[in-house]
């Protein structure tokens, strides 16, 4: 039996990216000015994202 991952109040798996995207879909996302994510943390997070290839 697989272990189910915990979900937060937005109904998504707990991660920064999932939370940001879920808030965007609901229309309650924050502007960068009002962001609660530290600039350093967001920059470090972006480093791990794969770059999209040009089509």
PDB file of N, CA and C in Angstrom:
ATOM      1  N   UNK A   1       0.836  -1.179   0.000  1.00  0.00           N
ATOM      2  CA  UNK A   1       0.000   0.000   0.000  1.00  0.00           C
ATOM      3  C   UNK A   1       0.883   1.245   0.000  1.00  0.00           C
ATOM      4  N   UNK A   2       0.606   2.167  -0.895  1.00  0.00           N
ATOM      5  CA  UNK A   2       1.392   3.396  -0.988  1.00  0.00           C
ATOM      6  C   UNK A   2       0.983   4.374   0.098  1.00  0.00           C
ATOM      7  N   UNK A   3       1.977   5.088   0.590  1.00  0.00           N
ATOM      8  CA  UNK A   3       1.723   6.108   1.606  1.00  0.00           C
ATOM      9  C   UNK A   3       1.250   7.382   0.909  1.00  0.00           C
ATOM     10  N   UNK A   4       0.124   7.909   1.335  1.00  0.00           N
ATOM     11  CA  UNK A   4      -0.403   9.138   0.736  1.00  0.00           C
ATOM     12  C   UNK A   4       0.325  10.346   1.306  1.00  0.00           C
ATOM     13  N   UNK A   5       0.676  11.271   0.420  1.00  0.00           N
ATOM     14  CA  UNK A   5       1.350  12.479   0.884  1.00  0.00           C
ATOM     15  C   UNK A   5       0.333  13.413   1.527  1.00  0.00           C
ATOM     16  N   UNK A   6       0.795  14.145   2.520  1.00  0.00           N
ATOM     17  CA  UNK A   6      -0.096  15.083   3.204  1.00  0.00           C
ATOM     18  C   UNK A   6      -0.425  16.246   2.292  1.00  0.00           C
ATOM     19  N   UNK A   7      -1.640  16.714   2.404  1.00  0.00           N
ATOM     20  CA  UNK A   7      -2.065  17.862   1.609  1.00  0.00           C
ATOM     21  C   UNK A   7      -2.419  19.006   2.545  1.00  0.00           C
ATOM     22  N   UNK A   8      -2.205  20.213   2.067  1.00  0.00           N
ATOM     23  CA  UNK A   8      -2.500  21.390   2.879  1.00  0.00           C
ATOM     24  C   UNK A   8      -3.921  21.877   2.612  1.00  0.00           C
ATOM     25  N   UNK A   9      -4.269  23.024   3.158  1.00  0.00           N
ATOM     26  CA  UNK A   9      -5.637  23.530   3.024  1.00  0.00           C
ATOM     27  C   UNK A   9      -6.007  23.911   1.595  1.00  0.00           C
ATOM     28  N   UNK A  10      -5.003  24.075   0.716  1.00  0.00           N
ATOM     29  CA  UNK A  10      -5.278  24.359  -0.695  1.00  0.00           C
ATOM     30  C   UNK A  10      -5.533  23.073  -1.472  1.00  0.00           C
ATOM     31  N   UNK A  11      -5.290  21.931  -0.834  1.00  0.00           N
ATOM     32  CA  UNK A  11      -5.534  20.641  -1.463  1.00  0.00           C
ATOM     33  C   UNK A  11      -4.379  20.138  -2.304  1.00  0.00           C
ATOM     34  N   UNK A  12      -3.184  20.665  -2.084  1.00  0.00           N
ATOM     35  CA  UNK A  12      -2.007  20.225  -2.836  1.00  0.00           C
ATOM     36  C   UNK A  12      -0.932  19.732  -1.873  1.00  0.00           C
ATOM     37  N   UNK A  13      -0.002  18.937  -2.405  1.00  0.00           N
ATOM     38  CA  UNK A  13       1.121  18.442  -1.616  1.00  0.00           C
ATOM     39  C   UNK A  13       1.944  19.632  -1.126  1.00  0.00           C
ATOM     40  N   UNK A  14       2.397  19.563   0.108  1.00  0.00           N
ATOM     41  CA  UNK A  14       3.150  20.674   0.693  1.00  0.00           C
ATOM     42  C   UNK A  14       4.490  20.892   0.006  1.00  0.00           C
ATOM     43  N   UNK A  15       4.573  21.948  -0.765  1.00  0.00           N
ATOM     44  CA  UNK A  15       5.835  22.416  -1.338  1.00  0.00           C
ATOM     45  C   UNK A  15       5.614  23.854  -1.770  1.00  0.00           C
ATOM     46  N   UNK A  16       6.679  24.604  -1.819  1.00  0.00           N
ATOM     47  CA  UNK A  16       6.581  26.021  -2.158  1.00  0.00           C
ATOM     48  C   UNK A  16       5.973  26.220  -3.539  1.00  0.00           C
ATOM     49  N   UNK A  17       6.457  25.454  -4.517  1.00  0.00           N
ATOM     50  CA  UNK A  17       5.977  25.602  -5.894  1.00  0.00           C
ATOM     51  C   UNK A  17       4.502  25.231  -5.993  1.00  0.00           C
ATOM     52  N   UNK A  18       4.101  24.130  -5.366  1.00  0.00           N
ATOM     53  CA  UNK A  18       2.695  23.720  -5.401  1.00  0.00           C
ATOM     54  C   UNK A  18       1.798  24.777  -4.768  1.00  0.00           C
ATOM     55  N   UNK A  19       2.246  25.354  -3.657  1.00  0.00           N
ATOM     56  CA  UNK A  19       1.454  26.388  -2.986  1.00  0.00           C
ATOM     57  C   UNK A  19       1.305  27.628  -3.858  1.00  0.00           C
ATOM     58  N   UNK A  20       2.399  28.062  -4.486  1.00  0.00           N
ATOM     59  CA  UNK A  20       2.352  29.242  -5.356  1.00  0.00           C
ATOM     60  C   UNK A  20       1.384  29.003  -6.511  1.00  0.00           C
ATOM     61  N   UNK A  21       1.504  27.839  -7.162  1.00  0.00           N
ATOM     62  CA  UNK A  21       0.648  27.537  -8.312  1.00  0.00           C
ATOM     63  C   UNK A  21      -0.816  27.374  -7.917  1.00  0.00           C
ATOM     64  N   UNK A  22      -1.082  26.764  -6.762  1.00  0.00           N
ATOM     65  CA  UNK A  22      -2.460  26.594  -6.299  1.00  0.00           C
ATOM     66  C   UNK A  22      -3.096  27.951  -6.003  1.00  0.00           C
ATOM     67  N   UNK A  23      -2.329  28.862  -5.394  1.00  0.00           N
ATOM     68  CA  UNK A  23      -2.853  30.198  -5.098  1.00  0.00           C
ATOM     69  C   UNK A  23      -3.134  30.962  -6.388  1.00  0.00           C
ATOM     70  N   UNK A  24      -2.273  30.779  -7.404  1.00  0.00           N
ATOM     71  CA  UNK A  24      -2.487  31.436  -8.699  1.00  0.00           C
ATOM     72  C   UNK A  24      -3.804  30.980  -9.301  1.00  0.00           C
ATOM     73  N   UNK A  25      -4.037  29.656  -9.278  1.00  0.00           N
ATOM     74  CA  UNK A  25      -5.261  29.090  -9.857  1.00  0.00           C
ATOM     75  C   UNK A  25      -6.507  29.603  -9.143  1.00  0.00           C
ATOM     76  N   UNK A  26      -6.408  29.765  -7.827  1.00  0.00           N
ATOM     77  CA  UNK A  26      -7.549  30.256  -7.050  1.00  0.00           C
ATOM     78  C   UNK A  26      -7.741  31.762  -7.182  1.00  0.00           C
ATOM     79  N   UNK A  27      -6.712  32.448  -7.669  1.00  0.00           N
ATOM     80  CA  UNK A  27      -6.815  33.897  -7.826  1.00  0.00           C
ATOM     81  C   UNK A  27      -6.496  34.663  -6.555  1.00  0.00           C
ATOM     82  N   UNK A  28      -5.759  34.050  -5.649  1.00  0.00           N
ATOM     83  CA  UNK A  28      -5.411  34.714  -4.397  1.00  0.00           C
ATOM     84  C   UNK A  28      -3.897  34.824  -4.221  1.00  0.00           C
ATOM     85  N   UNK A  29      -3.165  34.825  -5.324  1.00  0.00           N
ATOM     86  CA  UNK A  29      -1.705  34.901  -5.227  1.00  0.00           C
ATOM     87  C   UNK A  29      -1.273  36.294  -4.800  1.00  0.00           C
ATOM     88  N   UNK A  30      -0.096  36.366  -4.190  1.00  0.00           N
ATOM     89  CA  UNK A  30       0.453  37.635  -3.726  1.00  0.00           C
ATOM     90  C   UNK A  30       1.385  38.212  -4.780  1.00  0.00           C
ATOM     91  N   UNK A  31       1.498  39.519  -4.786  1.00  0.00           N
ATOM     92  CA  UNK A  31       2.462  40.160  -5.680  1.00  0.00           C
ATOM     93  C   UNK A  31       3.857  39.923  -5.116  1.00  0.00           C
ATOM     94  N   UNK A  32       4.879  40.147  -5.935  1.00  0.00           N
ATOM     95  CA  UNK A  32       6.251  39.958  -5.453  1.00  0.00           C
ATOM     96  C   UNK A  32       6.547  40.899  -4.290  1.00  0.00           C
ATOM     97  N   UNK A  33       5.948  42.082  -4.327  1.00  0.00           N
ATOM     98  CA  UNK A  33       6.179  43.066  -3.267  1.00  0.00           C
ATOM     99  C   UNK A  33       5.675  42.546  -1.916  1.00  0.00           C
ATOM    100  N   UNK A  34       4.537  41.852  -1.928  1.00  0.00           N
ATOM    101  CA  UNK A  34       3.944  41.350  -0.692  1.00  0.00           C
ATOM    102  C   UNK A  34       4.342  39.902  -0.395  1.00  0.00           C
ATOM    103  N   UNK A  35       5.277  39.380  -1.156  1.00  0.00           N
ATOM    104  CA  UNK A  35       5.696  37.989  -1.024  1.00  0.00           C
ATOM    105  C   UNK A  35       6.254  37.689   0.359  1.00  0.00           C
ATOM    106  N   UNK A  36       5.997  36.486   0.818  1.00  0.00           N
ATOM    107  CA  UNK A  36       6.529  36.052   2.106  1.00  0.00           C
ATOM    108  C   UNK A  36       7.733  35.136   1.905  1.00  0.00           C
ATOM    109  N   UNK A  37       8.101  34.904   0.641  1.00  0.00           N
ATOM    110  CA  UNK A  37       9.249  34.062   0.328  1.00  0.00           C
ATOM    111  C   UNK A  37      10.478  34.951   0.206  1.00  0.00           C
ATOM    112  N   UNK A  38      11.517  34.600   0.922  1.00  0.00           N
ATOM    113  CA  UNK A  38      12.763  35.350   0.894  1.00  0.00           C
ATOM    114  C   UNK A  38      13.367  35.304  -0.513  1.00  0.00           C
ATOM    115  N   UNK A  39      13.958  36.401  -0.953  1.00  0.00           N
ATOM    116  CA  UNK A  39      14.553  36.464  -2.290  1.00  0.00           C
ATOM    117  C   UNK A  39      15.614  35.391  -2.479  1.00  0.00           C
ATOM    118  N   UNK A  40      16.434  35.177  -1.451  1.00  0.00           N
ATOM    119  CA  UNK A  40      17.495  34.171  -1.536  1.00  0.00           C
ATOM    120  C   UNK A  40      16.905  32.773  -1.689  1.00  0.00           C
ATOM    121  N   UNK A  41      15.846  32.482  -0.938  1.00  0.00           N
ATOM    122  CA  UNK A  41      15.220  31.162  -0.992  1.00  0.00           C
ATOM    123  C   UNK A  41      14.597  30.925  -2.362  1.00  0.00           C
ATOM    124  N   UNK A  42      13.949  31.937  -2.921  1.00  0.00           N
ATOM    125  CA  UNK A  42      13.307  31.799  -4.228  1.00  0.00           C
ATOM    126  C   UNK A  42      14.362  31.612  -5.317  1.00  0.00           C
ATOM    127  N   UNK A  43      15.481  32.338  -5.209  1.00  0.00           N
ATOM    128  CA  UNK A  43      16.558  32.228  -6.190  1.00  0.00           C
ATOM    129  C   UNK A  43      17.153  30.817  -6.161  1.00  0.00           C
ATOM    130  N   UNK A  44      17.338  30.298  -4.956  1.00  0.00           N
ATOM    131  CA  UNK A  44      17.881  28.950  -4.790  1.00  0.00           C
ATOM    132  C   UNK A  44      16.908  27.916  -5.366  1.00  0.00           C
ATOM    133  N   UNK A  45      15.626  28.137  -5.168  1.00  0.00           N
ATOM    134  CA  UNK A  45      14.593  27.245  -5.682  1.00  0.00           C
ATOM    135  C   UNK A  45      14.592  27.237  -7.205  1.00  0.00           C
ATOM    136  N   UNK A  46      14.687  28.432  -7.803  1.00  0.00           N
ATOM    137  CA  UNK A  46      14.672  28.549  -9.256  1.00  0.00           C
ATOM    138  C   UNK A  46      15.851  27.839  -9.905  1.00  0.00           C
ATOM    139  N   UNK A  47      16.977  27.778  -9.193  1.00  0.00           N
ATOM    140  CA  UNK A  47      18.166  27.113  -9.713  1.00  0.00           C
ATOM    141  C   UNK A  47      17.879  25.652 -10.052  1.00  0.00           C
ATOM    142  N   UNK A  48      17.017  25.030  -9.275  1.00  0.00           N
ATOM    143  CA  UNK A  48      16.695  23.615  -9.455  1.00  0.00           C
ATOM    144  C   UNK A  48      15.696  23.333 -10.561  1.00  0.00           C
ATOM    145  N   UNK A  49      15.030  24.362 -11.080  1.00  0.00           N
ATOM    146  CA  UNK A  49      14.047  24.149 -12.135  1.00  0.00           C
ATOM    147  C   UNK A  49      14.742  23.860 -13.450  1.00  0.00           C
ATOM    148  N   UNK A  50      14.163  22.964 -14.237  1.00  0.00           N
ATOM    149  CA  UNK A  50      14.724  22.657 -15.549  1.00  0.00           C
ATOM    150  C   UNK A  50      14.359  23.764 -16.517  1.00  0.00           C
ATOM    151  N   UNK A  51      15.289  24.063 -17.408  1.00  0.00           N
ATOM    152  CA  UNK A  51      15.017  25.081 -18.415  1.00  0.00           C
ATOM    153  C   UNK A  51      14.247  24.449 -19.560  1.00  0.00           C
ATOM    154  N   UNK A  52      13.259  25.168 -20.067  1.00  0.00           N
ATOM    155  CA  UNK A  52      12.460  24.674 -21.182  1.00  0.00           C
ATOM    156  C   UNK A  52      13.239  24.856 -22.474  1.00  0.00           C
ATOM    157  N   UNK A  53      13.194  23.840 -23.309  1.00  0.00           N
ATOM    158  CA  UNK A  53      13.878  23.918 -24.592  1.00  0.00           C
ATOM    159  C   UNK A  53      13.066  24.737 -25.578  1.00  0.00           C
ATOM    160  N   UNK A  54      13.736  25.366 -26.515  1.00  0.00           N
ATOM    161  CA  UNK A  54      13.036  26.157 -27.526  1.00  0.00           C
ATOM    162  C   UNK A  54      12.413  25.221 -28.548  1.00  0.00           C
ATOM    163  N   UNK A  55      11.212  25.541 -28.977  1.00  0.00           N
ATOM    164  CA  UNK A  55      10.514  24.714 -29.971  1.00  0.00           C
ATOM    165  C   UNK A  55      10.501  25.378 -31.307  1.00  0.00           C
TER     166      UNK A  55
END
